[in-house]
Amino acid sequence: MSLRPRSGEQVPLLTAQIARTSNPGGTTAMWVRDRLDGLWRDEDFADWYPA
């Protein structure tokens, strides 16, 4: 498995609008992103995985 660094990646505006419209009460994933986005960066976990 390979992961690409994605720090600072933004959800496209149309995607966010559709998600909010189709889930007015939000979802667990939306709650987590709204509150914890930016708390950790991919680089914080780089040492956990082999090169």
Protein backbone atom coordinates (compact mmCIF):
# COMPACT_ATOMS: atom_id res chain seq x y z
CA MET A 1 0.00 0.00 0.00
CA SER A 2 1.23 3.46 -0.82
CA LEU A 3 -0.01 6.77 0.52
CA ARG A 4 0.60 10.14 -1.02
CA PRO A 5 1.08 13.16 1.23
CA ARG A 6 -2.09 15.26 1.22
CA SER A 7 -1.59 17.87 3.92
CA GLY A 8 -3.65 20.97 3.34
CA GLU A 9 -5.89 19.34 0.75
CA GLN A 10 -9.25 21.05 0.44
CA VAL A 11 -12.60 19.44 -0.31
CA PRO A 12 -13.88 20.81 -3.65
CA LEU A 13 -16.66 23.38 -3.14
CA LEU A 14 -19.27 21.44 -5.13
CA THR A 15 -18.48 18.24 -3.19
CA ALA A 16 -18.90 20.07 0.12
CA GLN A 17 -22.19 21.63 -1.01
CA ILE A 18 -23.61 18.26 -2.11
CA ALA A 19 -22.46 16.58 1.12
CA ARG A 20 -24.11 19.27 3.28
CA THR A 21 -27.31 19.21 1.20
CA SER A 22 -27.64 15.44 1.27
CA ASN A 23 -26.67 15.17 4.97
CA PRO A 24 -28.09 18.26 6.71
CA GLY A 25 -27.33 16.79 10.12
CA GLY A 26 -23.80 15.91 9.02
CA THR A 27 -22.01 12.58 9.25
CA THR A 28 -19.31 11.30 11.57
CA ALA A 29 -16.67 11.92 8.90
CA MET A 30 -17.88 15.50 8.39
CA TRP A 31 -17.86 16.13 12.14
CA VAL A 32 -14.28 14.83 12.46
CA ARG A 33 -13.01 16.91 9.53
CA ASP A 34 -14.79 20.07 10.71
CA ARG A 35 -13.26 19.82 14.17
CA LEU A 36 -9.91 18.11 13.72
CA ASP A 37 -8.75 19.20 10.26
CA GLY A 38 -5.22 20.51 10.48
CA LEU A 39 -4.54 19.04 13.91
CA TRP A 40 -2.14 16.50 12.44
CA ARG A 41 -0.13 16.47 9.22
CA ASP A 42 0.98 13.48 7.15
CA GLU A 43 4.58 14.31 8.08
CA ASP A 44 3.77 13.68 11.75
CA PHE A 45 3.38 9.97 10.98
CA ALA A 46 6.17 9.48 8.41
CA ASP A 47 8.46 7.72 10.91
CA TRP A 48 5.78 5.10 11.59
CA TYR A 49 6.19 3.57 8.12
CA PRO A 50 9.19 2.15 6.29
CA ALA A 51 10.52 4.02 3.28
